[in-house]
Amino acid sequence: MLEPYQKAPDAEVIFSDRAVHRLSNLWIKEPMFLVFLRHFG
């Protein structure tokens, strides 16, 4: 659990084309809206 005002972890994500990106690189140029979905079933 993160403490208040603690920076979020800079995770790596894998895109559908198998390219790996760090989350912090995705919002360098402009703001980003990130949604985490969990598949049930």
PDB file of N, CA and C in Angstrom:
ATOM      1  N   MET A   1       0.841  -1.176   0.000  1.00  0.00           N
ATOM      2  CA  MET A   1       0.000   0.000   0.000  1.00  0.00           C
ATOM      3  C   MET A   1       0.887   1.239   0.000  1.00  0.00           C
ATOM      4  N   LEU A   2       0.532   2.212  -0.791  1.00  0.00           N
ATOM      5  CA  LEU A   2       1.296   3.449  -0.854  1.00  0.00           C
ATOM      6  C   LEU A   2       0.889   4.387   0.273  1.00  0.00           C
ATOM      7  N   GLU A   3       1.852   5.135   0.733  1.00  0.00           N
ATOM      8  CA  GLU A   3       1.595   6.168   1.731  1.00  0.00           C
ATOM      9  C   GLU A   3       1.087   7.415   1.015  1.00  0.00           C
ATOM     10  N   PRO A   4       0.380   8.294   1.707  1.00  0.00           N
ATOM     11  CA  PRO A   4      -0.075   9.536   1.071  1.00  0.00           C
ATOM     12  C   PRO A   4       1.094  10.312   0.467  1.00  0.00           C
ATOM     13  N   TYR A   5       0.901  10.835  -0.703  1.00  0.00           N
ATOM     14  CA  TYR A   5       1.872  11.634  -1.459  1.00  0.00           C
ATOM     15  C   TYR A   5       3.087  10.842  -1.939  1.00  0.00           C
ATOM     16  N   GLN A   6       3.047   9.545  -1.833  1.00  0.00           N
ATOM     17  CA  GLN A   6       4.130   8.714  -2.348  1.00  0.00           C
ATOM     18  C   GLN A   6       3.916   8.513  -3.845  1.00  0.00           C
ATOM     19  N   LYS A   7       4.995   8.549  -4.613  1.00  0.00           N
ATOM     20  CA  LYS A   7       4.882   8.348  -6.055  1.00  0.00           C
ATOM     21  C   LYS A   7       4.424   6.926  -6.365  1.00  0.00           C
ATOM     22  N   ALA A   8       3.616   6.807  -7.398  1.00  0.00           N
ATOM     23  CA  ALA A   8       3.168   5.487  -7.849  1.00  0.00           C
ATOM     24  C   ALA A   8       4.342   4.745  -8.484  1.00  0.00           C
ATOM     25  N   PRO A   9       4.358   3.430  -8.415  1.00  0.00           N
ATOM     26  CA  PRO A   9       5.423   2.663  -9.057  1.00  0.00           C
ATOM     27  C   PRO A   9       5.440   2.905 -10.566  1.00  0.00           C
ATOM     28  N   ASP A  10       6.618   2.930 -11.135  1.00  0.00           N
ATOM     29  CA  ASP A  10       6.769   3.116 -12.578  1.00  0.00           C
ATOM     30  C   ASP A  10       6.864   1.747 -13.234  1.00  0.00           C
ATOM     31  N   ALA A  11       5.721   1.165 -13.490  1.00  0.00           N
ATOM     32  CA  ALA A  11       5.660  -0.201 -14.012  1.00  0.00           C
ATOM     33  C   ALA A  11       5.910  -0.252 -15.511  1.00  0.00           C
ATOM     34  N   GLU A  12       6.252  -1.432 -15.977  1.00  0.00           N
ATOM     35  CA  GLU A  12       6.349  -1.685 -17.415  1.00  0.00           C
ATOM     36  C   GLU A  12       5.049  -2.345 -17.862  1.00  0.00           C
ATOM     37  N   VAL A  13       4.565  -1.950 -19.024  1.00  0.00           N
ATOM     38  CA  VAL A  13       3.357  -2.548 -19.585  1.00  0.00           C
ATOM     39  C   VAL A  13       3.687  -3.145 -20.940  1.00  0.00           C
ATOM     40  N   ILE A  14       2.976  -4.192 -21.294  1.00  0.00           N
ATOM     41  CA  ILE A  14       3.180  -4.859 -22.582  1.00  0.00           C
ATOM     42  C   ILE A  14       1.958  -4.583 -23.437  1.00  0.00           C
ATOM     43  N   PHE A  15       2.184  -3.971 -24.596  1.00  0.00           N
ATOM     44  CA  PHE A  15       1.098  -3.649 -25.513  1.00  0.00           C
ATOM     45  C   PHE A  15       0.727  -4.879 -26.332  1.00  0.00           C
ATOM     46  N   SER A  16      -0.378  -4.786 -27.052  1.00  0.00           N
ATOM     47  CA  SER A  16      -0.855  -5.917 -27.853  1.00  0.00           C
ATOM     48  C   SER A  16       0.116  -6.327 -28.950  1.00  0.00           C
ATOM     49  N   ASP A  17       1.011  -5.396 -29.365  1.00  0.00           N
ATOM     50  CA  ASP A  17       2.013  -5.746 -30.379  1.00  0.00           C
ATOM     51  C   ASP A  17       3.303  -6.269 -29.736  1.00  0.00           C
ATOM     52  N   ARG A  18       3.236  -6.576 -28.439  1.00  0.00           N
ATOM     53  CA  ARG A  18       4.338  -7.114 -27.637  1.00  0.00           C
ATOM     54  C   ARG A  18       5.441  -6.102 -27.335  1.00  0.00           C
ATOM     55  N   ALA A  19       5.220  -4.835 -27.618  1.00  0.00           N
ATOM     56  CA  ALA A  19       6.181  -3.782 -27.270  1.00  0.00           C
ATOM     57  C   ALA A  19       6.059  -3.481 -25.780  1.00  0.00           C
ATOM     58  N   VAL A  20       7.212  -3.318 -25.118  1.00  0.00           N
ATOM     59  CA  VAL A  20       7.248  -3.035 -23.690  1.00  0.00           C
ATOM     60  C   VAL A  20       7.520  -1.549 -23.485  1.00  0.00           C
ATOM     61  N   HIS A  21       6.708  -0.898 -22.648  1.00  0.00           N
ATOM     62  CA  HIS A  21       6.851   0.535 -22.381  1.00  0.00           C
ATOM     63  C   HIS A  21       6.769   0.775 -20.880  1.00  0.00           C
ATOM     64  N   ARG A  22       7.493   1.766 -20.404  1.00  0.00           N
ATOM     65  CA  ARG A  22       7.360   2.211 -19.015  1.00  0.00           C
ATOM     66  C   ARG A  22       6.198   3.196 -18.964  1.00  0.00           C
ATOM     67  N   LEU A  23       5.374   3.110 -17.920  1.00  0.00           N
ATOM     68  CA  LEU A  23       4.224   3.998 -17.802  1.00  0.00           C
ATOM     69  C   LEU A  23       4.633   5.468 -17.828  1.00  0.00           C
ATOM     70  N   SER A  24       5.732   5.808 -17.196  1.00  0.00           N
ATOM     71  CA  SER A  24       6.151   7.215 -17.143  1.00  0.00           C
ATOM     72  C   SER A  24       6.478   7.774 -18.525  1.00  0.00           C
ATOM     73  N   ASN A  25       6.857   6.944 -19.471  1.00  0.00           N
ATOM     74  CA  ASN A  25       7.157   7.421 -20.829  1.00  0.00           C
ATOM     75  C   ASN A  25       5.897   7.708 -21.634  1.00  0.00           C
ATOM     76  N   LEU A  26       4.765   7.172 -21.206  1.00  0.00           N
ATOM     77  CA  LEU A  26       3.542   7.320 -21.978  1.00  0.00           C
ATOM     78  C   LEU A  26       2.875   8.676 -21.786  1.00  0.00           C
ATOM     79  N   TRP A  27       3.164   9.371 -20.687  1.00  0.00           N
ATOM     80  CA  TRP A  27       2.524  10.675 -20.462  1.00  0.00           C
ATOM     81  C   TRP A  27       3.510  11.836 -20.482  1.00  0.00           C
ATOM     82  N   ILE A  28       4.660  11.646 -21.107  1.00  0.00           N
ATOM     83  CA  ILE A  28       5.652  12.725 -21.212  1.00  0.00           C
ATOM     84  C   ILE A  28       5.115  13.885 -22.053  1.00  0.00           C
ATOM     85  N   LYS A  29       4.497  13.596 -23.188  1.00  0.00           N
ATOM     86  CA  LYS A  29       4.047  14.639 -24.113  1.00  0.00           C
ATOM     87  C   LYS A  29       2.695  15.228 -23.743  1.00  0.00           C
ATOM     88  N   GLU A  30       1.800  14.420 -23.193  1.00  0.00           N
ATOM     89  CA  GLU A  30       0.449  14.887 -22.869  1.00  0.00           C
ATOM     90  C   GLU A  30      -0.131  14.026 -21.755  1.00  0.00           C
ATOM     91  N   PRO A  31      -1.181  14.506 -21.095  1.00  0.00           N
ATOM     92  CA  PRO A  31      -1.798  13.721 -20.026  1.00  0.00           C
ATOM     93  C   PRO A  31      -2.338  12.387 -20.556  1.00  0.00           C
ATOM     94  N   MET A  32      -2.458  11.440 -19.655  1.00  0.00           N
ATOM     95  CA  MET A  32      -2.917  10.114 -20.033  1.00  0.00           C
ATOM     96  C   MET A  32      -3.992   9.664 -19.052  1.00  0.00           C
ATOM     97  N   PHE A  33      -4.990   8.967 -19.544  1.00  0.00           N
ATOM     98  CA  PHE A  33      -6.033   8.370 -18.717  1.00  0.00           C
ATOM     99  C   PHE A  33      -5.801   6.870 -18.728  1.00  0.00           C
ATOM    100  N   LEU A  34      -5.523   6.294 -17.586  1.00  0.00           N
ATOM    101  CA  LEU A  34      -5.173   4.880 -17.490  1.00  0.00           C
ATOM    102  C   LEU A  34      -6.291   4.131 -16.767  1.00  0.00           C
ATOM    103  N   VAL A  35      -6.745   3.039 -17.360  1.00  0.00           N
ATOM    104  CA  VAL A  35      -7.815   2.235 -16.779  1.00  0.00           C
ATOM    105  C   VAL A  35      -7.322   0.806 -16.633  1.00  0.00           C
ATOM    106  N   PHE A  36      -7.516   0.244 -15.455  1.00  0.00           N
ATOM    107  CA  PHE A  36      -7.182  -1.152 -15.222  1.00  0.00           C
ATOM    108  C   PHE A  36      -8.480  -1.959 -15.223  1.00  0.00           C
ATOM    109  N   LEU A  37      -8.547  -2.944 -16.074  1.00  0.00           N
ATOM    110  CA  LEU A  37      -9.722  -3.819 -16.145  1.00  0.00           C
ATOM    111  C   LEU A  37      -9.332  -5.213 -15.694  1.00  0.00           C
ATOM    112  N   ARG A  38     -10.215  -5.830 -14.963  1.00  0.00           N
ATOM    113  CA  ARG A  38      -9.980  -7.193 -14.539  1.00  0.00           C
ATOM    114  C   ARG A  38     -11.013  -8.087 -15.202  1.00  0.00           C
ATOM    115  N   HIS A  39     -10.550  -9.151 -15.795  1.00  0.00           N
ATOM    116  CA  HIS A  39     -11.442 -10.076 -16.490  1.00  0.00           C
ATOM    117  C   HIS A  39     -12.000 -11.089 -15.496  1.00  0.00           C
ATOM    118  N   PHE A  40     -13.305 -11.180 -15.409  1.00  0.00           N
ATOM    119  CA  PHE A  40     -13.955 -12.163 -14.536  1.00  0.00           C
ATOM    120  C   PHE A  40     -14.599 -13.229 -15.410  1.00  0.00           C
ATOM    121  N   GLY A  41     -14.030 -14.414 -15.400  1.00  0.00           N
ATOM    122  CA  GLY A  41     -14.699 -15.475 -16.140  1.00  0.00           C
ATOM    123  C   GLY A  41     -13.871 -16.263 -16.977  1.00  0.00           C
TER     124      GLY A  41
END
